[in-house]
PDB file of N, CA and C in Angstrom:
ATOM      1  N   MET A   1      38.154 109.093 110.824  1.00  0.00           N
ATOM      2  CA  MET A   1      38.910 109.509 109.643  1.00  0.00           C
ATOM      3  C   MET A   1      40.370 109.686 110.042  1.00  0.00           C
ATOM      4  N   SER A   2      41.256 109.096 109.283  1.00  0.00           N
ATOM      5  CA  SER A   2      42.678 109.215 109.624  1.00  0.00           C
ATOM      6  C   SER A   2      43.296 110.361 108.852  1.00  0.00           C
ATOM      7  N   LEU A   3      44.145 111.093 109.524  1.00  0.00           N
ATOM      8  CA  LEU A   3      44.821 112.213 108.883  1.00  0.00           C
ATOM      9  C   LEU A   3      46.094 111.691 108.244  1.00  0.00           C
ATOM     10  N   GLU A   4      46.196 111.795 106.951  1.00  0.00           N
ATOM     11  CA  GLU A   4      47.390 111.329 106.261  1.00  0.00           C
ATOM     12  C   GLU A   4      48.409 112.456 106.269  1.00  0.00           C
ATOM     13  N   GLY A   5      49.596 112.190 106.762  1.00  0.00           N
ATOM     14  CA  GLY A   5      50.624 113.219 106.814  1.00  0.00           C
ATOM     15  C   GLY A   5      51.159 113.498 105.426  1.00  0.00           C
ATOM     16  N   LYS A   6      51.881 114.616 105.304  1.00  0.00           N
ATOM     17  CA  LYS A   6      52.439 114.933 103.997  1.00  0.00           C
ATOM     18  C   LYS A   6      53.815 114.306 103.854  1.00  0.00           C
ATOM     19  N   ALA A   7      54.105 113.853 102.646  1.00  0.00           N
ATOM     20  CA  ALA A   7      55.394 113.224 102.372  1.00  0.00           C
ATOM     21  C   ALA A   7      56.489 114.285 102.384  1.00  0.00           C
ATOM     22  N   VAL A   8      57.627 113.933 102.973  1.00  0.00           N
ATOM     23  CA  VAL A   8      58.749 114.844 103.096  1.00  0.00           C
ATOM     24  C   VAL A   8      59.996 114.118 102.608  1.00  0.00           C
ATOM     25  N   THR A   9      60.828 114.817 101.846  1.00  0.00           N
ATOM     26  CA  THR A   9      62.130 114.265 101.500  1.00  0.00           C
ATOM     27  C   THR A   9      63.185 115.269 101.941  1.00  0.00           C
ATOM     28  N   ALA A  10      64.310 114.759 102.379  1.00  0.00           N
ATOM     29  CA  ALA A  10      65.409 115.613 102.809  1.00  0.00           C
ATOM     30  C   ALA A  10      66.697 114.836 102.649  1.00  0.00           C
ATOM     31  N   SER A  11      67.791 115.549 102.610  1.00  0.00           N
ATOM     32  CA  SER A  11      69.082 114.870 102.619  1.00  0.00           C
ATOM     33  C   SER A  11      70.059 115.763 103.354  1.00  0.00           C
ATOM     34  N   GLY A  12      71.039 115.137 103.965  1.00  0.00           N
ATOM     35  CA  GLY A  12      72.032 115.900 104.692  1.00  0.00           C
ATOM     36  C   GLY A  12      72.679 115.053 105.755  1.00  0.00           C
ATOM     37  N   CYS A  13      73.400 115.721 106.628  1.00  0.00           N
ATOM     38  CA  CYS A  13      74.139 115.039 107.672  1.00  0.00           C
ATOM     39  C   CYS A  13      73.240 114.785 108.877  1.00  0.00           C
ATOM     40  N   VAL A  14      73.376 113.619 109.444  1.00  0.00           N
ATOM     41  CA  VAL A  14      72.605 113.256 110.632  1.00  0.00           C
ATOM     42  C   VAL A  14      73.353 113.787 111.846  1.00  0.00           C
ATOM     43  N   ARG A  15      72.646 114.446 112.739  1.00  0.00           N
ATOM     44  CA  ARG A  15      73.275 115.037 113.920  1.00  0.00           C
ATOM     45  C   ARG A  15      72.520 114.633 115.178  1.00  0.00           C
ATOM     46  N   PRO A  16      73.250 114.282 116.232  1.00  0.00           N
ATOM     47  CA  PRO A  16      72.586 114.144 117.527  1.00  0.00           C
ATOM     48  C   PRO A  16      72.284 115.531 118.080  1.00  0.00           C
ATOM     49  N   VAL A  17      71.245 115.641 118.890  1.00  0.00           N
ATOM     50  CA  VAL A  17      70.906 116.930 119.508  1.00  0.00           C
ATOM     51  C   VAL A  17      71.372 116.887 120.959  1.00  0.00           C
ATOM     52  N   GLU A  18      72.127 117.901 121.359  1.00  0.00           N
ATOM     53  CA  GLU A  18      72.700 117.913 122.711  1.00  0.00           C
ATOM     54  C   GLU A  18      71.612 117.820 123.774  1.00  0.00           C
ATOM     55  N   SER A  19      71.904 117.093 124.832  1.00  0.00           N
ATOM     56  CA  SER A  19      71.018 116.915 125.986  1.00  0.00           C
ATOM     57  C   SER A  19      69.742 116.150 125.674  1.00  0.00           C
ATOM     58  N   THR A  20      69.698 115.444 124.548  1.00  0.00           N
ATOM     59  CA  THR A  20      68.518 114.653 124.200  1.00  0.00           C
ATOM     60  C   THR A  20      68.994 113.334 123.601  1.00  0.00           C
ATOM     61  N   SER A  21      68.051 112.461 123.298  1.00  0.00           N
ATOM     62  CA  SER A  21      68.390 111.224 122.596  1.00  0.00           C
ATOM     63  C   SER A  21      67.985 111.313 121.128  1.00  0.00           C
ATOM     64  N   CYS A  22      67.721 112.526 120.643  1.00  0.00           N
ATOM     65  CA  CYS A  22      67.245 112.707 119.272  1.00  0.00           C
ATOM     66  C   CYS A  22      68.379 112.680 118.259  1.00  0.00           C
ATOM     67  N   ILE A  23      68.034 112.279 117.043  1.00  0.00           N
ATOM     68  CA  ILE A  23      68.901 112.547 115.904  1.00  0.00           C
ATOM     69  C   ILE A  23      68.064 113.298 114.872  1.00  0.00           C
ATOM     70  N   VAL A  24      68.700 114.259 114.209  1.00  0.00           N
ATOM     71  CA  VAL A  24      67.990 115.149 113.305  1.00  0.00           C
ATOM     72  C   VAL A  24      68.742 115.309 111.987  1.00  0.00           C
ATOM     73  N   VAL A  25      67.987 115.698 110.960  1.00  0.00           N
ATOM     74  CA  VAL A  25      68.544 116.101 109.672  1.00  0.00           C
ATOM     75  C   VAL A  25      67.935 117.453 109.349  1.00  0.00           C
ATOM     76  N   ARG A  26      68.753 118.375 108.860  1.00  0.00           N
ATOM     77  CA  ARG A  26      68.239 119.706 108.534  1.00  0.00           C
ATOM     78  C   ARG A  26      67.370 119.607 107.275  1.00  0.00           C
ATOM     79  N   GLY A  27      66.206 120.215 107.350  1.00  0.00           N
ATOM     80  CA  GLY A  27      65.282 120.199 106.219  1.00  0.00           C
ATOM     81  C   GLY A  27      65.585 121.317 105.239  1.00  0.00           C
ATOM     82  N   PRO A  28      64.904 121.308 104.082  1.00  0.00           N
ATOM     83  CA  PRO A  28      65.154 122.321 103.055  1.00  0.00           C
ATOM     84  C   PRO A  28      64.867 123.742 103.534  1.00  0.00           C
ATOM     85  N   GLY A  29      63.951 123.905 104.499  1.00  0.00           N
ATOM     86  CA  GLY A  29      63.624 125.233 104.984  1.00  0.00           C
ATOM     87  C   GLY A  29      64.527 125.713 106.102  1.00  0.00           C
ATOM     88  N   GLY A  30      65.530 124.891 106.497  1.00  0.00           N
ATOM     89  CA  GLY A  30      66.443 125.296 107.553  1.00  0.00           C
ATOM     90  C   GLY A  30      66.075 124.752 108.917  1.00  0.00           C
ATOM     91  N   GLY A  31      64.847 124.264 109.083  1.00  0.00           N
ATOM     92  CA  GLY A  31      64.469 123.649 110.350  1.00  0.00           C
ATOM     93  C   GLY A  31      65.010 122.228 110.423  1.00  0.00           C
ATOM     94  N   TYR A  32      64.825 121.593 111.557  1.00  0.00           N
ATOM     95  CA  TYR A  32      65.311 120.225 111.722  1.00  0.00           C
ATOM     96  C   TYR A  32      64.169 119.227 111.702  1.00  0.00           C
ATOM     97  N   TYR A  33      64.420 118.090 111.083  1.00  0.00           N
ATOM     98  CA  TYR A  33      63.510 116.956 111.142  1.00  0.00           C
ATOM     99  C   TYR A  33      64.034 115.973 112.167  1.00  0.00           C
ATOM    100  N   ASP A  34      63.190 115.603 113.110  1.00  0.00           N
ATOM    101  CA  ASP A  34      63.540 114.612 114.127  1.00  0.00           C
ATOM    102  C   ASP A  34      63.270 113.230 113.538  1.00  0.00           C
ATOM    103  N   ILE A  35      64.347 112.473 113.281  1.00  0.00           N
ATOM    104  CA  ILE A  35      64.196 111.140 112.681  1.00  0.00           C
ATOM    105  C   ILE A  35      64.562 110.049 113.679  1.00  0.00           C
ATOM    106  N   SER A  36      64.444 110.380 114.970  1.00  0.00           N
ATOM    107  CA  SER A  36      64.801 109.420 116.020  1.00  0.00           C
ATOM    108  C   SER A  36      63.984 108.142 115.936  1.00  0.00           C
ATOM    109  N   GLY A  37      62.788 108.219 115.358  1.00  0.00           N
ATOM    110  CA  GLY A  37      61.921 107.057 115.277  1.00  0.00           C
ATOM    111  C   GLY A  37      62.284 106.090 114.156  1.00  0.00           C
ATOM    112  N   ALA A  38      63.258 106.442 113.326  1.00  0.00           N
ATOM    113  CA  ALA A  38      63.640 105.565 112.217  1.00  0.00           C
ATOM    114  C   ALA A  38      64.173 104.242 112.770  1.00  0.00           C
ATOM    115  N   SER A  39      63.823 103.156 112.109  1.00  0.00           N
ATOM    116  CA  SER A  39      64.286 101.847 112.575  1.00  0.00           C
ATOM    117  C   SER A  39      64.727 101.010 111.389  1.00  0.00           C
ATOM    118  N   PRO A  40      66.022 100.700 111.254  1.00  0.00           N
ATOM    119  CA  PRO A  40      67.090 101.184 112.141  1.00  0.00           C
ATOM    120  C   PRO A  40      67.371 102.662 111.875  1.00  0.00           C
ATOM    121  N   ALA A  41      67.972 103.333 112.832  1.00  0.00           N
ATOM    122  CA  ALA A  41      68.299 104.744 112.660  1.00  0.00           C
ATOM    123  C   ALA A  41      69.694 104.870 112.054  1.00  0.00           C
ATOM    124  N   PRO A  42      69.925 105.916 111.258  1.00  0.00           N
ATOM    125  CA  PRO A  42      71.273 106.150 110.751  1.00  0.00           C
ATOM    126  C   PRO A  42      72.238 106.437 111.902  1.00  0.00           C
ATOM    127  N   ASP A  43      73.489 106.140 111.700  1.00  0.00           N
ATOM    128  CA  ASP A  43      74.507 106.320 112.739  1.00  0.00           C
ATOM    129  C   ASP A  43      75.246 107.631 112.510  1.00  0.00           C
ATOM    130  N   PRO A  44      75.008 108.637 113.362  1.00  0.00           N
ATOM    131  CA  PRO A  44      75.681 109.933 113.165  1.00  0.00           C
ATOM    132  C   PRO A  44      77.195 109.830 113.206  1.00  0.00           C
ATOM    133  N   SER A  45      77.730 108.851 113.925  1.00  0.00           N
ATOM    134  CA  SER A  45      79.185 108.770 114.068  1.00  0.00           C
ATOM    135  C   SER A  45      79.876 108.303 112.790  1.00  0.00           C
ATOM    136  N   LYS A  46      79.126 107.796 111.821  1.00  0.00           N
ATOM    137  CA  LYS A  46      79.725 107.416 110.536  1.00  0.00           C
ATOM    138  C   LYS A  46      80.198 108.637 109.755  1.00  0.00           C
ATOM    139  N   GLY A  47      79.590 109.793 110.014  1.00  0.00           N
ATOM    140  CA  GLY A  47      79.997 111.005 109.308  1.00  0.00           C
ATOM    141  C   GLY A  47      79.649 110.981 107.836  1.00  0.00           C
ATOM    142  N   VAL A  48      78.553 110.307 107.490  1.00  0.00           N
ATOM    143  CA  VAL A  48      78.126 110.207 106.097  1.00  0.00           C
ATOM    144  C   VAL A  48      76.707 110.762 105.987  1.00  0.00           C
ATOM    145  N   ALA A  49      76.464 111.541 104.937  1.00  0.00           N
ATOM    146  CA  ALA A  49      75.138 112.128 104.728  1.00  0.00           C
ATOM    147  C   ALA A  49      74.130 111.041 104.348  1.00  0.00           C
ATOM    148  N   VAL A  50      72.865 111.330 104.591  1.00  0.00           N
ATOM    149  CA  VAL A  50      71.790 110.413 104.227  1.00  0.00           C
ATOM    150  C   VAL A  50      70.773 111.134 103.339  1.00  0.00           C
ATOM    151  N   SER A  51      70.057 110.343 102.583  1.00  0.00           N
ATOM    152  CA  SER A  51      68.893 110.806 101.858  1.00  0.00           C
ATOM    153  C   SER A  51      67.704 110.108 102.503  1.00  0.00           C
ATOM    154  N   LEU A  52      66.646 110.846 102.797  1.00  0.00           N
ATOM    155  CA  LEU A  52      65.532 110.211 103.488  1.00  0.00           C
ATOM    156  C   LEU A  52      64.206 110.707 102.976  1.00  0.00           C
ATOM    157  N   ARG A  53      63.186 109.900 103.236  1.00  0.00           N
ATOM    158  CA  ARG A  53      61.819 110.358 103.058  1.00  0.00           C
ATOM    159  C   ARG A  53      61.008 109.819 104.223  1.00  0.00           C
ATOM    160  N   GLY A  54      60.012 110.585 104.577  1.00  0.00           N
ATOM    161  CA  GLY A  54      59.173 110.199 105.699  1.00  0.00           C
ATOM    162  C   GLY A  54      57.856 110.932 105.611  1.00  0.00           C
ATOM    163  N   ARG A  55      57.062 110.808 106.679  1.00  0.00           N
ATOM    164  CA  ARG A  55      55.754 111.438 106.705  1.00  0.00           C
ATOM    165  C   ARG A  55      55.692 112.433 107.852  1.00  0.00           C
ATOM    166  N   ASP A  56      55.264 113.636 107.530  1.00  0.00           N
ATOM    167  CA  ASP A  56      55.117 114.706 108.514  1.00  0.00           C
ATOM    168  C   ASP A  56      53.653 114.747 108.938  1.00  0.00           C
ATOM    169  N   ASN A  57      53.385 114.291 110.163  1.00  0.00           N
ATOM    170  CA  ASN A  57      52.015 114.302 110.678  1.00  0.00           C
ATOM    171  C   ASN A  57      51.718 115.534 111.527  1.00  0.00           C
ATOM    172  N   GLY A  58      52.564 116.549 111.429  1.00  0.00           N
ATOM    173  CA  GLY A  58      52.298 117.792 112.123  1.00  0.00           C
ATOM    174  C   GLY A  58      52.696 117.789 113.585  1.00  0.00           C
ATOM    175  N   LYS A  59      53.544 116.809 113.994  1.00  0.00           N
ATOM    176  CA  LYS A  59      53.957 116.750 115.399  1.00  0.00           C
ATOM    177  C   LYS A  59      55.356 117.326 115.547  1.00  0.00           C
ATOM    178  N   ASN A  60      55.521 118.178 116.558  1.00  0.00           N
ATOM    179  CA  ASN A  60      56.843 118.702 116.873  1.00  0.00           C
ATOM    180  C   ASN A  60      57.351 118.023 118.136  1.00  0.00           C
ATOM    181  N   THR A  61      58.648 117.742 118.162  1.00  0.00           N
ATOM    182  CA  THR A  61      59.279 117.232 119.371  1.00  0.00           C
ATOM    183  C   THR A  61      60.214 118.312 119.892  1.00  0.00           C
ATOM    184  N   GLU A  62      60.899 118.015 120.990  1.00  0.00           N
ATOM    185  CA  GLU A  62      61.864 118.986 121.508  1.00  0.00           C
ATOM    186  C   GLU A  62      63.003 119.209 120.528  1.00  0.00           C
ATOM    187  N   CYS A  63      63.123 118.360 119.515  1.00  0.00           N
ATOM    188  CA  CYS A  63      64.263 118.412 118.600  1.00  0.00           C
ATOM    189  C   CYS A  63      63.912 118.881 117.199  1.00  0.00           C
ATOM    190  N   GLY A  64      62.639 119.000 116.890  1.00  0.00           N
ATOM    191  CA  GLY A  64      62.268 119.420 115.544  1.00  0.00           C
ATOM    192  C   GLY A  64      60.964 118.785 115.132  1.00  0.00           C
ATOM    193  N   ARG A  65      60.717 118.789 113.838  1.00  0.00           N
ATOM    194  CA  ARG A  65      59.488 118.228 113.286  1.00  0.00           C
ATOM    195  C   ARG A  65      59.642 116.714 113.207  1.00  0.00           C
ATOM    196  N   GLN A  66      58.760 115.993 113.873  1.00  0.00           N
ATOM    197  CA  GLN A  66      58.870 114.532 113.904  1.00  0.00           C
ATOM    198  C   GLN A  66      58.452 113.930 112.573  1.00  0.00           C
ATOM    199  N   LEU A  67      59.296 113.029 112.048  1.00  0.00           N
ATOM    200  CA  LEU A  67      58.933 112.285 110.846  1.00  0.00           C
ATOM    201  C   LEU A  67      58.628 110.843 111.223  1.00  0.00           C
ATOM    202  N   ASP A  68      57.561 110.305 110.623  1.00  0.00           N
ATOM    203  CA  ASP A  68      57.179 108.911 110.815  1.00  0.00           C
ATOM    204  C   ASP A  68      57.465 108.135 109.531  1.00  0.00           C
ATOM    205  N   ASP A  69      57.514 106.828 109.644  1.00  0.00           N
ATOM    206  CA  ASP A  69      57.755 105.956 108.481  1.00  0.00           C
ATOM    207  C   ASP A  69      58.979 106.394 107.696  1.00  0.00           C
ATOM    208  N   VAL A  70      60.075 106.648 108.411  1.00  0.00           N
ATOM    209  CA  VAL A  70      61.283 107.147 107.759  1.00  0.00           C
ATOM    210  C   VAL A  70      61.998 106.019 107.021  1.00  0.00           C
ATOM    211  N   LYS A  71      62.288 106.254 105.747  1.00  0.00           N
ATOM    212  CA  LYS A  71      63.103 105.358 104.937  1.00  0.00           C
ATOM    213  C   LYS A  71      64.329 106.160 104.520  1.00  0.00           C
ATOM    214  N   TRP A  72      65.502 105.624 104.684  1.00  0.00           N
ATOM    215  CA  TRP A  72      66.697 106.408 104.398  1.00  0.00           C
ATOM    216  C   TRP A  72      67.784 105.511 103.825  1.00  0.00           C
ATOM    217  N   SER A  73      68.773 106.157 103.228  1.00  0.00           N
ATOM    218  CA  SER A  73      69.955 105.446 102.749  1.00  0.00           C
ATOM    219  C   SER A  73      71.149 106.385 102.845  1.00  0.00           C
ATOM    220  N   TYR A  74      72.324 105.786 103.037  1.00  0.00           N
ATOM    221  CA  TYR A  74      73.538 106.597 103.086  1.00  0.00           C
ATOM    222  C   TYR A  74      73.879 107.105 101.696  1.00  0.00           C
ATOM    223  N   LEU A  75      74.365 108.334 101.629  1.00  0.00           N
ATOM    224  CA  LEU A  75      74.869 108.910 100.386  1.00  0.00           C
ATOM    225  C   LEU A  75      76.393 108.814 100.420  1.00  0.00           C
ATOM    226  N   ASN A  76      76.997 108.959  99.285  1.00  0.00           N
ATOM    227  CA  ASN A  76      78.458 108.898  99.222  1.00  0.00           C
ATOM    228  C   ASN A  76      79.040 110.293  99.457  1.00  0.00           C
ATOM    229  N   ILE A  77      78.596 110.920 100.558  1.00  0.00           N
ATOM    230  CA  ILE A  77      79.009 112.293 100.865  1.00  0.00           C
ATOM    231  C   ILE A  77      79.488 112.344 102.306  1.00  0.00           C
ATOM    232  N   GLN A  78      80.731 112.785 102.497  1.00  0.00           N
ATOM    233  CA  GLN A  78      81.262 112.927 103.856  1.00  0.00           C
ATOM    234  C   GLN A  78      80.698 114.188 104.494  1.00  0.00           C
ATOM    235  N   CYS A  79      80.409 114.098 105.767  1.00  0.00           N
ATOM    236  CA  CYS A  79      79.967 115.267 106.521  1.00  0.00           C
ATOM    237  C   CYS A  79      81.166 115.905 107.210  1.00  0.00           C
ATOM    238  N   ALA A  80      80.998 117.150 107.587  1.00  0.00           N
ATOM    239  CA  ALA A  80      82.017 117.822 108.382  1.00  0.00           C
ATOM    240  C   ALA A  80      82.145 117.097 109.717  1.00  0.00           C
ATOM    241  N   ALA A  81      83.137 117.454 110.488  1.00  0.00           N
ATOM    242  CA  ALA A  81      83.342 116.833 111.792  1.00  0.00           C
ATOM    243  C   ALA A  81      82.042 116.845 112.586  1.00  0.00           C
ATOM    244  N   LEU A  82      81.811 115.762 113.302  1.00  0.00           N
ATOM    245  CA  LEU A  82      80.554 115.600 114.023  1.00  0.00           C
ATOM    246  C   LEU A  82      80.413 116.661 115.104  1.00  0.00           C
ATOM    247  N   THR A  83      79.329 117.418 114.996  1.00  0.00           N
ATOM    248  CA  THR A  83      78.996 118.379 116.048  1.00  0.00           C
ATOM    249  C   THR A  83      77.542 118.143 116.408  1.00  0.00           C
ATOM    250  N   THR A  84      77.192 118.438 117.623  1.00  0.00           N
ATOM    251  CA  THR A  84      75.792 118.267 117.995  1.00  0.00           C
ATOM    252  C   THR A  84      75.006 119.484 117.531  1.00  0.00           C
ATOM    253  N   ALA A  85      73.768 119.252 117.172  1.00  0.00           N
ATOM    254  CA  ALA A  85      72.879 120.357 116.825  1.00  0.00           C
ATOM    255  C   ALA A  85      72.449 121.019 118.131  1.00  0.00           C
ATOM    256  N   PRO A  86      72.255 122.319 118.109  1.00  0.00           N
ATOM    257  CA  PRO A  86      71.795 122.977 119.338  1.00  0.00           C
ATOM    258  C   PRO A  86      70.396 122.513 119.696  1.00  0.00           C
ATOM    259  N   ALA A  87      70.105 122.423 120.980  1.00  0.00           N
ATOM    260  CA  ALA A  87      68.768 122.045 121.408  1.00  0.00           C
ATOM    261  C   ALA A  87      67.768 123.082 120.897  1.00  0.00           C
ATOM    262  N   ALA A  88      66.573 122.623 120.562  1.00  0.00           N
ATOM    263  CA  ALA A  88      65.580 123.502 119.955  1.00  0.00           C
ATOM    264  C   ALA A  88      65.125 124.601 120.908  1.00  0.00           C
ATOM    265  N   THR A  89      65.117 124.308 122.215  1.00  0.00           N
ATOM    266  CA  THR A  89      64.675 125.323 123.177  1.00  0.00           C
ATOM    267  C   THR A  89      65.808 125.591 124.163  1.00  0.00           C
ATOM    268  N   PRO A  90      66.639 126.584 123.846  1.00  0.00           N
ATOM    269  CA  PRO A  90      67.839 126.819 124.648  1.00  0.00           C
ATOM    270  C   PRO A  90      67.586 127.594 125.949  1.00  0.00           C
ATOM    271  N   GLU A  91      66.337 127.887 126.308  1.00  0.00           N
ATOM    272  CA  GLU A  91      66.102 128.664 127.523  1.00  0.00           C
ATOM    273  C   GLU A  91      66.649 127.938 128.744  1.00  0.00           C
ATOM    274  N   LYS A  92      67.220 128.682 129.637  1.00  0.00           N
ATOM    275  CA  LYS A  92      67.737 128.104 130.883  1.00  0.00           C
ATOM    276  C   LYS A  92      66.715 128.337 131.985  1.00  0.00           C
ATOM    277  N   ALA A  93      66.529 127.361 132.817  1.00  0.00           N
ATOM    278  CA  ALA A  93      65.593 127.517 133.942  1.00  0.00           C
ATOM    279  C   ALA A  93      66.190 128.474 134.963  1.00  0.00           C
ATOM    280  N   GLY A  94      65.327 129.273 135.602  1.00  0.00           N
ATOM    281  CA  GLY A  94      65.806 130.129 136.665  1.00  0.00           C
ATOM    282  C   GLY A  94      65.899 131.523 136.321  1.00  0.00           C
TER     283      GLY A  94
END
């Protein structure tokens, strides 16, 4: 039996996550959605917001909630200056 993930929609600015290869969009609840698996992936350096939908299969990555089957499009909304999102687990070793 296959587990069908729940459909998720979000919109906002795409941000790279520091010290990772992830790109994320903030979700409606304030958490981050990891959309690194999108193909093609949105370009954070464009500084333009995106609208997206994807499937949440309940997997978390180091960067947020992983979305699969991401479909997105650019919105006509400029984002603030590009800043990296903080890493999800800021603990320092040692």
